[in-house]
């Protein structure tokens, strides 16, 4: 499963646009899978560091417990209200926990953490699908561009 850096090579324009949308807001929304199989949505911060996309969770968080049990997730960028809306980025994949304490500390520090609890969890994102939804330049159609491992890069527009 591709890392963010690999996605940048496979679909550079889509990855660039998605990254801009993801970096436009500190807070994003993550969906994880609860123990009973139901979805859970939570706020989260995500950062691009050293060619990878990283997410973390505080000790005892429900989303952290969800990811430890089932690493599948979906992430949605923050979104602006019209007329300032530039689009939304969405991705889904697997969260791979980083257990190396030295690496974990370095990434958390790069994410802006002043102190790091050893029980905090840090995950590198493996991407299964990536999508950007936005208006066309003429602003008369909705453009949806997405990439999946199985289907490659695709695009549709809707009026």
C-alpha atoms as a PDB file:
ATOM      1  CA  UNK A   1       0.000   0.000   0.000  1.00  0.00           C
ATOM      2  CA  UNK A   2       1.476   3.358  -1.000  1.00  0.00           C
ATOM      3  CA  UNK A   3       2.864   5.939   1.377  1.00  0.00           C
ATOM      4  CA  UNK A   4       2.071   9.597   0.723  1.00  0.00           C
ATOM      5  CA  UNK A   5       5.434   9.992  -1.033  1.00  0.00           C
ATOM      6  CA  UNK A   6       4.530   7.185  -3.427  1.00  0.00           C
ATOM      7  CA  UNK A   7       1.143   8.806  -4.131  1.00  0.00           C
ATOM      8  CA  UNK A   8       2.998  12.000  -5.065  1.00  0.00           C
ATOM      9  CA  UNK A   9       4.836   9.993  -7.742  1.00  0.00           C
ATOM     10  CA  UNK A  10       1.781   8.047  -8.957  1.00  0.00           C
ATOM     11  CA  UNK A  11      -0.673  10.981  -9.133  1.00  0.00           C
ATOM     12  CA  UNK A  12       1.351  14.184  -8.616  1.00  0.00           C
ATOM     13  CA  UNK A  13      -1.320  16.761  -9.502  1.00  0.00           C
ATOM     14  CA  UNK A  14      -4.002  15.072  -7.400  1.00  0.00           C
ATOM     15  CA  UNK A  15      -1.573  14.672  -4.480  1.00  0.00           C
ATOM     16  CA  UNK A  16      -0.510  18.334  -4.711  1.00  0.00           C
ATOM     17  CA  UNK A  17      -4.103  19.580  -4.669  1.00  0.00           C
ATOM     18  CA  UNK A  18      -5.101  17.200  -1.864  1.00  0.00           C
ATOM     19  CA  UNK A  19      -2.116  18.255   0.214  1.00  0.00           C
ATOM     20  CA  UNK A  20      -2.968  21.949  -0.232  1.00  0.00           C
ATOM     21  CA  UNK A  21      -6.523  21.266   0.940  1.00  0.00           C
ATOM     22  CA  UNK A  22      -5.373  19.122   3.867  1.00  0.00           C
ATOM     23  CA  UNK A  23      -2.824  21.732   4.965  1.00  0.00           C
ATOM     24  CA  UNK A  24      -5.319  24.616   4.694  1.00  0.00           C
ATOM     25  CA  UNK A  25      -6.805  23.744   8.111  1.00  0.00           C
ATOM     26  CA  UNK A  26      -5.191  22.392  11.256  1.00  0.00           C
ATOM     27  CA  UNK A  27      -8.188  20.241  12.151  1.00  0.00           C
ATOM     28  CA  UNK A  28      -9.551  17.435  10.028  1.00  0.00           C
ATOM     29  CA  UNK A  29     -12.161  14.735  10.587  1.00  0.00           C
ATOM     30  CA  UNK A  30     -11.189  11.079  10.861  1.00  0.00           C
ATOM     31  CA  UNK A  31     -13.527   8.106  10.681  1.00  0.00           C
ATOM     32  CA  UNK A  32     -12.471   4.923  12.466  1.00  0.00           C
ATOM     33  CA  UNK A  33     -14.188   1.604  13.101  1.00  0.00           C
ATOM     34  CA  UNK A  34     -15.612   0.973  16.590  1.00  0.00           C
ATOM     35  CA  UNK A  35     -15.391  -2.457  18.228  1.00  0.00           C
ATOM     36  CA  UNK A  36     -19.014  -3.139  17.241  1.00  0.00           C
ATOM     37  CA  UNK A  37     -18.272  -2.254  13.593  1.00  0.00           C
ATOM     38  CA  UNK A  38     -20.052   1.104  13.670  1.00  0.00           C
ATOM     39  CA  UNK A  39     -18.235   4.188  12.389  1.00  0.00           C
ATOM     40  CA  UNK A  40     -16.778   6.774  14.771  1.00  0.00           C
ATOM     41  CA  UNK A  41     -15.850  10.292  13.665  1.00  0.00           C
ATOM     42  CA  UNK A  42     -13.365  12.406  15.590  1.00  0.00           C
ATOM     43  CA  UNK A  43     -11.353  15.549  15.148  1.00  0.00           C
ATOM     44  CA  UNK A  44      -7.660  15.047  14.406  1.00  0.00           C
ATOM     45  CA  UNK A  45      -4.542  16.832  13.248  1.00  0.00           C
ATOM     46  CA  UNK A  46      -2.489  15.383  10.408  1.00  0.00           C
ATOM     47  CA  UNK A  47       0.938  16.534   9.234  1.00  0.00           C
ATOM     48  CA  UNK A  48       3.181  15.853   6.262  1.00  0.00           C
ATOM     49  CA  UNK A  49       6.705  15.071   7.496  1.00  0.00           C
ATOM     50  CA  UNK A  50       9.585  13.423   5.615  1.00  0.00           C
ATOM     51  CA  UNK A  51       7.393  12.386   2.676  1.00  0.00           C
ATOM     52  CA  UNK A  52       4.749  10.724   4.830  1.00  0.00           C
ATOM     53  CA  UNK A  53       1.396  11.746   6.271  1.00  0.00           C
ATOM     54  CA  UNK A  54       1.217  11.275  10.049  1.00  0.00           C
ATOM     55  CA  UNK A  55      -1.628  11.206  12.556  1.00  0.00           C
ATOM     56  CA  UNK A  56      -1.489  10.739  16.305  1.00  0.00           C
ATOM     57  CA  UNK A  57      -3.728  10.027  19.247  1.00  0.00           C
ATOM     58  CA  UNK A  58      -3.553  10.877  22.917  1.00  0.00           C
ATOM     59  CA  UNK A  59      -3.351   8.120  25.532  1.00  0.00           C
ATOM     60  CA  UNK A  60      -6.757   6.582  26.179  1.00  0.00           C
ATOM     61  CA  UNK A  61      -8.460   8.123  23.146  1.00  0.00           C
ATOM     62  CA  UNK A  62     -11.259   6.138  21.535  1.00  0.00           C
ATOM     63  CA  UNK A  63      -9.936   6.749  18.015  1.00  0.00           C
ATOM     64  CA  UNK A  64      -6.553   5.403  19.157  1.00  0.00           C
ATOM     65  CA  UNK A  65      -8.208   2.261  20.528  1.00  0.00           C
ATOM     66  CA  UNK A  66     -10.125   1.911  17.263  1.00  0.00           C
ATOM     67  CA  UNK A  67      -6.946   2.184  15.161  1.00  0.00           C
ATOM     68  CA  UNK A  68      -5.050  -0.249  17.399  1.00  0.00           C
ATOM     69  CA  UNK A  69      -7.803  -2.815  16.884  1.00  0.00           C
ATOM     70  CA  UNK A  70      -8.599  -2.068  13.217  1.00  0.00           C
ATOM     71  CA  UNK A  71      -6.218   0.229  11.318  1.00  0.00           C
ATOM     72  CA  UNK A  72      -8.738   1.213   8.625  1.00  0.00           C
ATOM     73  CA  UNK A  73      -9.691   4.879   8.561  1.00  0.00           C
ATOM     74  CA  UNK A  74     -10.944   7.709   6.360  1.00  0.00           C
ATOM     75  CA  UNK A  75      -9.724  11.301   6.657  1.00  0.00           C
ATOM     76  CA  UNK A  76     -11.521  14.443   5.456  1.00  0.00           C
ATOM     77  CA  UNK A  77      -9.936  17.871   5.133  1.00  0.00           C
ATOM     78  CA  UNK A  78     -11.322  20.895   6.906  1.00  0.00           C
ATOM     79  CA  UNK A  79     -13.812  22.752   4.726  1.00  0.00           C
ATOM     80  CA  UNK A  80     -14.733  26.385   4.152  1.00  0.00           C
ATOM     81  CA  UNK A  81     -18.207  27.727   3.550  1.00  0.00           C
ATOM     82  CA  UNK A  82     -19.059  29.192   0.129  1.00  0.00           C
ATOM     83  CA  UNK A  83     -17.996  31.439  -1.475  1.00  0.00           C
ATOM     84  CA  UNK A  84     -14.542  30.675  -0.007  1.00  0.00           C
ATOM     85  CA  UNK A  85     -14.799  26.911  -0.610  1.00  0.00           C
ATOM     86  CA  UNK A  86     -11.781  25.671  -2.592  1.00  0.00           C
ATOM     87  CA  UNK A  87     -12.656  22.003  -2.389  1.00  0.00           C
ATOM     88  CA  UNK A  88     -12.382  18.991  -0.124  1.00  0.00           C
ATOM     89  CA  UNK A  89      -9.750  16.278   0.091  1.00  0.00           C
ATOM     90  CA  UNK A  90     -10.589  12.790   1.318  1.00  0.00           C
ATOM     91  CA  UNK A  91      -8.414   9.756   1.740  1.00  0.00           C
ATOM     92  CA  UNK A  92      -8.767   6.283   3.135  1.00  0.00           C
ATOM     93  CA  UNK A  93      -6.214   3.700   4.062  1.00  0.00           C
ATOM     94  CA  UNK A  94      -4.484   1.975   6.931  1.00  0.00           C
ATOM     95  CA  UNK A  95      -2.828   3.617   9.927  1.00  0.00           C
ATOM     96  CA  UNK A  96       0.507   1.933  10.649  1.00  0.00           C
ATOM     97  CA  UNK A  97       1.597   2.515  14.247  1.00  0.00           C
ATOM     98  CA  UNK A  98       5.185   3.628  14.809  1.00  0.00           C
ATOM     99  CA  UNK A  99       6.607   1.860  17.854  1.00  0.00           C
ATOM    100  CA  UNK A 100      10.183   3.163  17.668  1.00  0.00           C
ATOM    101  CA  UNK A 101      10.197   5.680  20.561  1.00  0.00           C
ATOM    102  CA  UNK A 102      13.032   7.779  19.120  1.00  0.00           C
ATOM    103  CA  UNK A 103      11.310   8.097  15.733  1.00  0.00           C
ATOM    104  CA  UNK A 104       7.974   8.746  17.438  1.00  0.00           C
ATOM    105  CA  UNK A 105       9.458  11.566  19.522  1.00  0.00           C
ATOM    106  CA  UNK A 106      11.105  13.158  16.467  1.00  0.00           C
ATOM    107  CA  UNK A 107       7.866  13.091  14.452  1.00  0.00           C
ATOM    108  CA  UNK A 108       5.740  14.405  17.339  1.00  0.00           C
ATOM    109  CA  UNK A 109       8.255  17.244  17.845  1.00  0.00           C
ATOM    110  CA  UNK A 110       8.121  18.012  14.105  1.00  0.00           C
ATOM    111  CA  UNK A 111       4.325  18.094  14.453  1.00  0.00           C
ATOM    112  CA  UNK A 112       4.732  20.829  17.077  1.00  0.00           C
ATOM    113  CA  UNK A 113       4.331  18.847  20.297  1.00  0.00           C
ATOM    114  CA  UNK A 114       6.210  20.356  23.229  1.00  0.00           C
ATOM    115  CA  UNK A 115       5.869  17.256  25.396  1.00  0.00           C
ATOM    116  CA  UNK A 116       5.190  13.691  24.314  1.00  0.00           C
ATOM    117  CA  UNK A 117       3.589  11.072  26.536  1.00  0.00           C
ATOM    118  CA  UNK A 118       5.139   7.650  25.870  1.00  0.00           C
ATOM    119  CA  UNK A 119       1.603   6.245  25.743  1.00  0.00           C
ATOM    120  CA  UNK A 120       0.644   8.535  22.844  1.00  0.00           C
ATOM    121  CA  UNK A 121       0.227   6.685  19.567  1.00  0.00           C
ATOM    122  CA  UNK A 122       1.693   7.815  16.250  1.00  0.00           C
ATOM    123  CA  UNK A 123       0.600   6.422  12.897  1.00  0.00           C
ATOM    124  CA  UNK A 124       2.044   6.660   9.407  1.00  0.00           C
ATOM    125  CA  UNK A 125      -0.692   6.712   6.796  1.00  0.00           C
ATOM    126  CA  UNK A 126      -0.775   4.123   4.013  1.00  0.00           C
ATOM    127  CA  UNK A 127      -3.112   5.355   1.296  1.00  0.00           C
ATOM    128  CA  UNK A 128      -5.675   3.097  -0.400  1.00  0.00           C
ATOM    129  CA  UNK A 129      -7.678   5.878  -2.026  1.00  0.00           C
ATOM    130  CA  UNK A 130      -7.426   9.630  -2.432  1.00  0.00           C
ATOM    131  CA  UNK A 131     -10.076  12.023  -3.752  1.00  0.00           C
ATOM    132  CA  UNK A 132     -10.470  15.748  -4.363  1.00  0.00           C
ATOM    133  CA  UNK A 133     -13.852  17.358  -4.925  1.00  0.00           C
ATOM    134  CA  UNK A 134     -13.954  20.966  -6.167  1.00  0.00           C
ATOM    135  CA  UNK A 135     -15.534  23.287  -8.681  1.00  0.00           C
ATOM    136  CA  UNK A 136     -14.176  23.493 -12.211  1.00  0.00           C
ATOM    137  CA  UNK A 137     -12.428  26.728 -13.250  1.00  0.00           C
ATOM    138  CA  UNK A 138     -15.671  27.944 -14.830  1.00  0.00           C
ATOM    139  CA  UNK A 139     -17.382  27.206 -11.489  1.00  0.00           C
ATOM    140  CA  UNK A 140     -20.299  25.603 -13.306  1.00  0.00           C
ATOM    141  CA  UNK A 141     -19.540  21.942 -12.577  1.00  0.00           C
ATOM    142  CA  UNK A 142     -18.377  19.847  -9.673  1.00  0.00           C
ATOM    143  CA  UNK A 143     -15.154  17.970 -10.428  1.00  0.00           C
ATOM    144  CA  UNK A 144     -14.358  14.742  -8.596  1.00  0.00           C
ATOM    145  CA  UNK A 145     -10.899  13.328  -9.170  1.00  0.00           C
ATOM    146  CA  UNK A 146      -9.769  10.206  -7.361  1.00  0.00           C
ATOM    147  CA  UNK A 147      -7.120   7.510  -7.274  1.00  0.00           C
ATOM    148  CA  UNK A 148      -7.346   3.938  -6.024  1.00  0.00           C
ATOM    149  CA  UNK A 149      -4.825   1.123  -6.186  1.00  0.00           C
ATOM    150  CA  UNK A 150      -7.169  -1.006  -8.275  1.00  0.00           C
ATOM    151  CA  UNK A 151      -8.603   1.672 -10.551  1.00  0.00           C
ATOM    152  CA  UNK A 152      -5.798   4.185 -10.926  1.00  0.00           C
ATOM    153  CA  UNK A 153      -6.573   7.855 -11.542  1.00  0.00           C
ATOM    154  CA  UNK A 154     -10.086   8.864 -12.643  1.00  0.00           C
ATOM    155  CA  UNK A 155     -12.142  12.036 -12.971  1.00  0.00           C
ATOM    156  CA  UNK A 156     -15.806  12.893 -13.456  1.00  0.00           C
ATOM    157  CA  UNK A 157     -17.716  16.153 -13.531  1.00  0.00           C
ATOM    158  CA  UNK A 158     -21.295  16.821 -12.518  1.00  0.00           C
ATOM    159  CA  UNK A 159     -23.587  19.771 -13.183  1.00  0.00           C
END
